[in-house]
Amino acid sequence: MATTNFRKVFINLPVKDLKRTNAFFTQLGFTFDARFCDDNATCMVLSPEAFVMLLTESRFKDFTKKQICDTGKSTEGIFALSAASRDDVNQLVKKAVEAGGSYAADPVDHGFMYGWSFFDLDGHHWEVIYMDMNALPQ
């Protein structure tokens, strides 16, 4: 019997006014993980397995070489998947490229977090990350 490799989902969205956006989603009943919140980003919790990173436009630009889409005309997002290890990150990105995708950026190592990203065949940006919660800065 085949096994399924389940992954967490992190959706990243650019926002023009982070405080206003936070207030809006708070009014809708959403909560935020304070460990990942600062003046440039907020982590909105959808479930124990799904999160939305609301990023100021300037911070969002740190994660892509492309321009931010005008959401009045187009839709764009970065869809992040968790990985079990750094090796899992590397394997998944390499498999994506071997299957016809392309690299979106070089690997990024923040100590407690390692990630690498790719574009799929339609140009959607997927980020694969491994996070060592024991090494998370306090």
N, C-alpha and C. Protein backbone atom coordinates (compact mmCIF):
# COMPACT_ATOMS: atom_id res chain seq x y z
N MET A 1 0.84 -1.18 0.00
CA MET A 1 0.00 0.00 0.00
C MET A 1 0.89 1.25 0.00
N ALA A 2 0.58 2.20 -0.84
CA ALA A 2 1.36 3.44 -0.93
C ALA A 2 1.07 4.33 0.28
N THR A 3 2.09 5.08 0.69
CA THR A 3 1.89 6.02 1.78
C THR A 3 1.78 7.42 1.21
N THR A 4 1.10 8.28 1.94
CA THR A 4 0.92 9.66 1.52
C THR A 4 1.84 10.54 2.34
N ASN A 5 2.52 11.47 1.68
CA ASN A 5 3.39 12.41 2.36
C ASN A 5 2.61 13.71 2.56
N PHE A 6 1.98 13.87 3.74
CA PHE A 6 1.21 15.07 4.02
C PHE A 6 2.13 16.23 4.31
N ARG A 7 1.74 17.44 3.91
CA ARG A 7 2.53 18.65 4.10
C ARG A 7 1.63 19.77 4.63
N LYS A 8 2.22 20.66 5.44
CA LYS A 8 1.50 21.86 5.88
C LYS A 8 1.47 22.85 4.73
N VAL A 9 0.52 23.78 4.77
CA VAL A 9 0.41 24.79 3.72
C VAL A 9 0.54 26.18 4.34
N PHE A 10 1.39 27.04 3.74
CA PHE A 10 1.57 28.42 4.14
C PHE A 10 1.34 29.29 2.90
N ILE A 11 0.34 30.12 2.92
CA ILE A 11 0.03 30.98 1.79
C ILE A 11 0.56 32.38 2.11
N ASN A 12 1.33 32.97 1.20
CA ASN A 12 1.92 34.29 1.40
C ASN A 12 1.21 35.31 0.52
N LEU A 13 0.76 36.39 1.12
CA LEU A 13 0.03 37.41 0.39
C LEU A 13 0.60 38.79 0.68
N PRO A 14 0.82 39.61 -0.35
CA PRO A 14 1.28 40.99 -0.12
C PRO A 14 0.11 41.87 0.31
N VAL A 15 0.39 42.80 1.22
CA VAL A 15 -0.64 43.74 1.65
C VAL A 15 -0.06 45.15 1.68
N LYS A 16 -0.90 46.13 1.43
CA LYS A 16 -0.45 47.53 1.41
C LYS A 16 -0.35 48.11 2.81
N ASP A 17 -1.26 47.73 3.72
CA ASP A 17 -1.30 48.29 5.07
C ASP A 17 -1.49 47.12 6.04
N LEU A 18 -0.40 46.70 6.66
CA LEU A 18 -0.43 45.51 7.50
C LEU A 18 -1.33 45.68 8.72
N LYS A 19 -1.27 46.83 9.38
CA LYS A 19 -2.10 47.05 10.57
C LYS A 19 -3.59 46.98 10.23
N ARG A 20 -3.95 47.60 9.14
CA ARG A 20 -5.36 47.60 8.72
C ARG A 20 -5.80 46.18 8.35
N THR A 21 -4.94 45.46 7.68
CA THR A 21 -5.24 44.08 7.30
C THR A 21 -5.39 43.20 8.53
N ASN A 22 -4.49 43.37 9.51
CA ASN A 22 -4.58 42.60 10.75
C ASN A 22 -5.89 42.88 11.46
N ALA A 23 -6.27 44.14 11.53
CA ALA A 23 -7.52 44.50 12.19
C ALA A 23 -8.71 43.86 11.49
N PHE A 24 -8.70 43.88 10.18
CA PHE A 24 -9.78 43.29 9.39
C PHE A 24 -9.93 41.81 9.71
N PHE A 25 -8.81 41.05 9.63
CA PHE A 25 -8.89 39.60 9.86
C PHE A 25 -9.17 39.26 11.32
N THR A 26 -8.73 40.12 12.24
CA THR A 26 -9.06 39.92 13.65
C THR A 26 -10.56 40.05 13.86
N GLN A 27 -11.15 41.00 13.16
CA GLN A 27 -12.60 41.17 13.26
C GLN A 27 -13.35 39.97 12.71
N LEU A 28 -12.74 39.28 11.81
CA LEU A 28 -13.38 38.08 11.24
C LEU A 28 -13.18 36.85 12.12
N GLY A 29 -12.39 36.99 13.19
CA GLY A 29 -12.20 35.88 14.12
C GLY A 29 -10.91 35.11 13.98
N PHE A 30 -10.03 35.56 13.10
CA PHE A 30 -8.76 34.87 12.93
C PHE A 30 -7.78 35.26 14.03
N THR A 31 -6.84 34.37 14.33
CA THR A 31 -5.79 34.64 15.30
C THR A 31 -4.44 34.64 14.58
N PHE A 32 -3.42 35.11 15.30
CA PHE A 32 -2.09 35.25 14.73
C PHE A 32 -1.06 34.63 15.66
N ASP A 33 -0.02 34.07 15.07
CA ASP A 33 1.08 33.48 15.83
C ASP A 33 2.11 34.57 16.07
N ALA A 34 2.17 35.11 17.28
CA ALA A 34 3.00 36.27 17.61
C ALA A 34 4.49 36.02 17.37
N ARG A 35 4.94 34.77 17.41
CA ARG A 35 6.36 34.48 17.17
C ARG A 35 6.80 34.89 15.77
N PHE A 36 5.86 35.02 14.86
CA PHE A 36 6.19 35.33 13.48
C PHE A 36 5.59 36.66 13.03
N CYS A 37 5.34 37.53 13.99
CA CYS A 37 4.76 38.84 13.67
C CYS A 37 5.75 39.95 14.00
N ASP A 38 5.85 40.91 13.10
CA ASP A 38 6.64 42.11 13.34
C ASP A 38 6.04 43.25 12.53
N ASP A 39 6.78 44.31 12.33
CA ASP A 39 6.23 45.46 11.59
C ASP A 39 6.02 45.17 10.11
N ASN A 40 6.60 44.06 9.61
CA ASN A 40 6.54 43.77 8.18
C ASN A 40 5.76 42.50 7.82
N ALA A 41 5.41 41.72 8.83
CA ALA A 41 4.74 40.44 8.53
C ALA A 41 3.88 39.99 9.70
N THR A 42 2.82 39.25 9.36
CA THR A 42 1.94 38.64 10.35
C THR A 42 1.60 37.24 9.88
N CYS A 43 1.59 36.31 10.83
CA CYS A 43 1.22 34.94 10.51
C CYS A 43 -0.20 34.68 10.99
N MET A 44 -1.11 34.59 10.06
CA MET A 44 -2.51 34.31 10.38
C MET A 44 -2.73 32.80 10.37
N VAL A 45 -3.35 32.29 11.42
CA VAL A 45 -3.56 30.86 11.57
C VAL A 45 -4.93 30.49 11.00
N LEU A 46 -4.93 29.61 10.00
CA LEU A 46 -6.19 29.09 9.46
C LEU A 46 -6.59 27.80 10.17
N SER A 47 -5.60 26.98 10.51
CA SER A 47 -5.79 25.72 11.21
C SER A 47 -4.41 25.27 11.69
N PRO A 48 -4.35 24.17 12.42
CA PRO A 48 -3.02 23.69 12.83
C PRO A 48 -2.13 23.32 11.63
N GLU A 49 -2.72 23.16 10.46
CA GLU A 49 -1.97 22.75 9.28
C GLU A 49 -1.91 23.81 8.18
N ALA A 50 -2.58 24.94 8.34
CA ALA A 50 -2.64 25.94 7.26
C ALA A 50 -2.55 27.36 7.83
N PHE A 51 -1.70 28.16 7.19
CA PHE A 51 -1.41 29.51 7.66
C PHE A 51 -1.34 30.48 6.48
N VAL A 52 -1.60 31.75 6.74
CA VAL A 52 -1.43 32.78 5.73
C VAL A 52 -0.46 33.81 6.27
N MET A 53 0.62 34.03 5.55
CA MET A 53 1.57 35.09 5.89
C MET A 53 1.13 36.34 5.15
N LEU A 54 0.74 37.33 5.92
CA LEU A 54 0.36 38.62 5.36
C LEU A 54 1.59 39.50 5.45
N LEU A 55 2.11 39.91 4.30
CA LEU A 55 3.39 40.61 4.22
C LEU A 55 3.23 42.00 3.62
N THR A 56 3.93 42.99 4.19
CA THR A 56 3.95 44.29 3.54
C THR A 56 4.52 44.08 2.15
N GLU A 57 4.17 44.95 1.23
CA GLU A 57 4.67 44.79 -0.14
C GLU A 57 6.19 44.77 -0.18
N SER A 58 6.84 45.62 0.63
CA SER A 58 8.30 45.65 0.61
C SER A 58 8.88 44.33 1.11
N ARG A 59 8.27 43.74 2.13
CA ARG A 59 8.75 42.46 2.63
C ARG A 59 8.44 41.35 1.65
N PHE A 60 7.28 41.38 1.01
CA PHE A 60 6.90 40.37 0.03
C PHE A 60 7.93 40.32 -1.10
N LYS A 61 8.46 41.49 -1.47
CA LYS A 61 9.44 41.57 -2.55
C LYS A 61 10.74 40.85 -2.21
N ASP A 62 11.01 40.62 -0.91
CA ASP A 62 12.20 39.87 -0.51
C ASP A 62 12.15 38.41 -0.95
N PHE A 63 10.97 37.93 -1.27
CA PHE A 63 10.79 36.53 -1.59
C PHE A 63 10.63 36.24 -3.09
N THR A 64 10.70 37.24 -3.93
CA THR A 64 10.52 37.02 -5.35
C THR A 64 11.30 38.04 -6.17
N LYS A 65 11.71 37.63 -7.34
CA LYS A 65 12.39 38.54 -8.27
C LYS A 65 11.38 39.22 -9.21
N LYS A 66 10.15 38.71 -9.21
CA LYS A 66 9.10 39.28 -10.06
C LYS A 66 8.43 40.44 -9.35
N GLN A 67 7.77 41.31 -10.12
CA GLN A 67 7.00 42.41 -9.54
C GLN A 67 5.73 41.86 -8.89
N ILE A 68 5.26 42.56 -7.89
CA ILE A 68 4.00 42.18 -7.26
C ILE A 68 2.87 42.47 -8.24
N CYS A 69 1.97 41.53 -8.35
CA CYS A 69 0.84 41.70 -9.26
C CYS A 69 -0.12 42.76 -8.76
N ASP A 70 -0.71 43.45 -9.68
CA ASP A 70 -1.81 44.38 -9.38
C ASP A 70 -3.04 43.50 -9.24
N THR A 71 -3.51 43.30 -8.00
CA THR A 71 -4.62 42.38 -7.78
C THR A 71 -5.93 42.88 -8.36
N GLY A 72 -5.94 44.12 -8.83
CA GLY A 72 -7.11 44.59 -9.55
C GLY A 72 -7.15 44.03 -10.96
N LYS A 73 -6.04 43.57 -11.43
CA LYS A 73 -5.93 43.04 -12.79
C LYS A 73 -5.52 41.58 -12.84
N SER A 74 -4.71 41.13 -11.86
CA SER A 74 -4.15 39.78 -11.87
C SER A 74 -4.14 39.20 -10.46
N THR A 75 -3.94 37.90 -10.39
CA THR A 75 -3.83 37.22 -9.10
C THR A 75 -2.49 36.51 -9.03
N GLU A 76 -1.82 36.62 -7.87
CA GLU A 76 -0.53 35.96 -7.69
C GLU A 76 -0.36 35.64 -6.22
N GLY A 77 0.37 34.61 -5.91
CA GLY A 77 0.67 34.24 -4.54
C GLY A 77 1.88 33.32 -4.52
N ILE A 78 2.45 33.14 -3.37
CA ILE A 78 3.51 32.16 -3.17
C ILE A 78 2.91 31.09 -2.26
N PHE A 79 2.96 29.85 -2.70
CA PHE A 79 2.36 28.76 -1.97
C PHE A 79 3.48 27.94 -1.35
N ALA A 80 3.51 27.91 -0.02
CA ALA A 80 4.63 27.27 0.69
C ALA A 80 4.21 25.93 1.27
N LEU A 81 5.11 24.97 1.13
CA LEU A 81 4.89 23.62 1.65
C LEU A 81 5.97 23.28 2.65
N SER A 82 5.61 22.65 3.76
CA SER A 82 6.60 22.23 4.73
C SER A 82 7.33 20.99 4.23
N ALA A 83 8.52 20.78 4.77
CA ALA A 83 9.32 19.61 4.44
C ALA A 83 9.84 18.99 5.73
N ALA A 84 10.16 17.70 5.69
CA ALA A 84 10.60 16.98 6.88
C ALA A 84 12.06 17.26 7.22
N SER A 85 12.84 17.72 6.23
CA SER A 85 14.27 17.95 6.46
C SER A 85 14.82 18.85 5.35
N ARG A 86 16.06 19.29 5.53
CA ARG A 86 16.73 20.07 4.49
C ARG A 86 16.86 19.22 3.22
N ASP A 87 17.17 17.95 3.40
CA ASP A 87 17.30 17.06 2.25
C ASP A 87 15.98 16.93 1.50
N ASP A 88 14.88 16.87 2.24
CA ASP A 88 13.55 16.81 1.62
C ASP A 88 13.28 18.07 0.80
N VAL A 89 13.69 19.24 1.33
CA VAL A 89 13.55 20.49 0.57
C VAL A 89 14.28 20.36 -0.76
N ASN A 90 15.56 19.99 -0.67
CA ASN A 90 16.40 19.89 -1.87
C ASN A 90 15.84 18.89 -2.88
N GLN A 91 15.41 17.74 -2.39
CA GLN A 91 14.88 16.71 -3.30
C GLN A 91 13.63 17.18 -4.02
N LEU A 92 12.72 17.82 -3.30
CA LEU A 92 11.48 18.26 -3.92
C LEU A 92 11.71 19.33 -4.99
N VAL A 93 12.59 20.29 -4.69
CA VAL A 93 12.87 21.34 -5.67
C VAL A 93 13.55 20.74 -6.91
N LYS A 94 14.51 19.86 -6.69
CA LYS A 94 15.20 19.23 -7.82
C LYS A 94 14.24 18.41 -8.67
N LYS A 95 13.32 17.69 -8.03
CA LYS A 95 12.32 16.92 -8.77
C LYS A 95 11.44 17.85 -9.61
N ALA A 96 11.07 18.99 -9.04
CA ALA A 96 10.24 19.95 -9.78
C ALA A 96 10.95 20.45 -11.03
N VAL A 97 12.24 20.75 -10.90
CA VAL A 97 13.02 21.24 -12.04
C VAL A 97 13.21 20.13 -13.08
N GLU A 98 13.47 18.94 -12.60
CA GLU A 98 13.63 17.80 -13.51
C GLU A 98 12.35 17.53 -14.30
N ALA A 99 11.21 17.84 -13.71
CA ALA A 99 9.92 17.60 -14.36
C ALA A 99 9.52 18.75 -15.29
N GLY A 100 10.36 19.80 -15.41
CA GLY A 100 10.07 20.89 -16.33
C GLY A 100 9.87 22.24 -15.69
N GLY A 101 9.89 22.30 -14.35
CA GLY A 101 9.79 23.59 -13.65
C GLY A 101 11.13 24.31 -13.72
N SER A 102 11.24 25.42 -13.02
CA SER A 102 12.50 26.16 -12.99
C SER A 102 12.73 26.70 -11.58
N TYR A 103 14.01 26.97 -11.28
CA TYR A 103 14.36 27.53 -9.98
C TYR A 103 13.82 28.94 -9.86
N ALA A 104 13.23 29.28 -8.70
CA ALA A 104 12.74 30.62 -8.45
C ALA A 104 13.78 31.46 -7.73
N ALA A 105 14.62 30.82 -6.90
CA ALA A 105 15.64 31.52 -6.14
C ALA A 105 16.65 30.51 -5.62
N ASP A 106 17.78 31.01 -5.17
CA ASP A 106 18.77 30.15 -4.53
C ASP A 106 18.25 29.70 -3.16
N PRO A 107 18.80 28.61 -2.64
CA PRO A 107 18.41 28.21 -1.28
C PRO A 107 18.70 29.34 -0.29
N VAL A 108 17.85 29.42 0.74
CA VAL A 108 18.00 30.44 1.78
C VAL A 108 18.10 29.74 3.13
N ASP A 109 19.15 30.08 3.90
CA ASP A 109 19.35 29.46 5.21
C ASP A 109 19.34 30.54 6.28
N HIS A 110 18.31 30.50 7.14
CA HIS A 110 18.19 31.45 8.23
C HIS A 110 18.58 30.79 9.56
N GLY A 111 19.28 29.67 9.50
CA GLY A 111 19.65 28.95 10.71
C GLY A 111 18.54 28.01 11.14
N PHE A 112 17.46 28.58 11.68
CA PHE A 112 16.33 27.75 12.12
C PHE A 112 15.41 27.36 10.97
N MET A 113 15.55 28.05 9.81
CA MET A 113 14.69 27.78 8.67
C MET A 113 15.52 27.70 7.39
N TYR A 114 15.24 26.69 6.62
CA TYR A 114 15.93 26.50 5.34
C TYR A 114 14.85 26.36 4.27
N GLY A 115 15.01 27.05 3.15
CA GLY A 115 14.03 26.96 2.09
C GLY A 115 14.62 27.11 0.72
N TRP A 116 13.90 26.64 -0.25
CA TRP A 116 14.30 26.74 -1.65
C TRP A 116 13.00 26.77 -2.44
N SER A 117 12.98 27.45 -3.55
CA SER A 117 11.71 27.58 -4.26
C SER A 117 11.85 27.34 -5.76
N PHE A 118 10.69 27.08 -6.37
CA PHE A 118 10.64 26.80 -7.81
C PHE A 118 9.34 27.36 -8.39
N PHE A 119 9.35 27.53 -9.71
CA PHE A 119 8.14 27.85 -10.46
C PHE A 119 7.65 26.58 -11.12
N ASP A 120 6.34 26.34 -11.08
CA ASP A 120 5.80 25.19 -11.79
C ASP A 120 5.66 25.52 -13.28
N LEU A 121 5.05 24.67 -14.03
CA LEU A 121 4.96 24.86 -15.48
C LEU A 121 4.16 26.10 -15.88
N ASP A 122 3.28 26.54 -14.99
CA ASP A 122 2.49 27.73 -15.27
C ASP A 122 3.07 28.99 -14.64
N GLY A 123 4.24 28.87 -14.03
CA GLY A 123 4.88 30.02 -13.42
C GLY A 123 4.43 30.33 -12.00
N HIS A 124 3.65 29.44 -11.39
CA HIS A 124 3.26 29.64 -10.00
C HIS A 124 4.48 29.39 -9.11
N HIS A 125 4.63 30.24 -8.11
CA HIS A 125 5.79 30.21 -7.22
C HIS A 125 5.51 29.32 -6.01
N TRP A 126 6.27 28.24 -5.88
CA TRP A 126 6.14 27.31 -4.76
C TRP A 126 7.41 27.36 -3.93
N GLU A 127 7.27 27.52 -2.63
CA GLU A 127 8.41 27.55 -1.71
C GLU A 127 8.33 26.32 -0.81
N VAL A 128 9.44 25.61 -0.72
CA VAL A 128 9.51 24.41 0.12
C VAL A 128 10.42 24.76 1.30
N ILE A 129 9.91 24.55 2.52
CA ILE A 129 10.68 24.95 3.70
C ILE A 129 10.80 23.84 4.73
N TYR A 130 11.94 23.82 5.40
CA TYR A 130 12.15 22.98 6.57
C TYR A 130 12.42 23.91 7.74
N MET A 131 11.70 23.71 8.86
CA MET A 131 11.89 24.57 10.02
C MET A 131 12.24 23.72 11.24
N ASP A 132 13.36 24.07 11.91
CA ASP A 132 13.78 23.42 13.15
C ASP A 132 13.25 24.26 14.30
N MET A 133 12.11 23.85 14.86
CA MET A 133 11.47 24.63 15.91
C MET A 133 12.34 24.76 17.17
N ASN A 134 13.25 23.80 17.40
CA ASN A 134 14.14 23.86 18.56
C ASN A 134 15.19 24.97 18.42
N ALA A 135 15.46 25.39 17.20
CA ALA A 135 16.46 26.44 16.96
C ALA A 135 15.83 27.80 16.72
N LEU A 136 14.51 27.90 16.87
CA LEU A 136 13.80 29.16 16.63
C LEU A 136 14.29 30.23 17.60
N PRO A 137 14.67 31.42 17.08
CA PRO A 137 15.12 32.50 17.97
C PRO A 137 14.00 32.90 18.94
N GLN A 138 14.39 33.22 20.16
CA GLN A 138 13.41 33.61 21.20
C GLN A 138 12.98 35.04 21.02
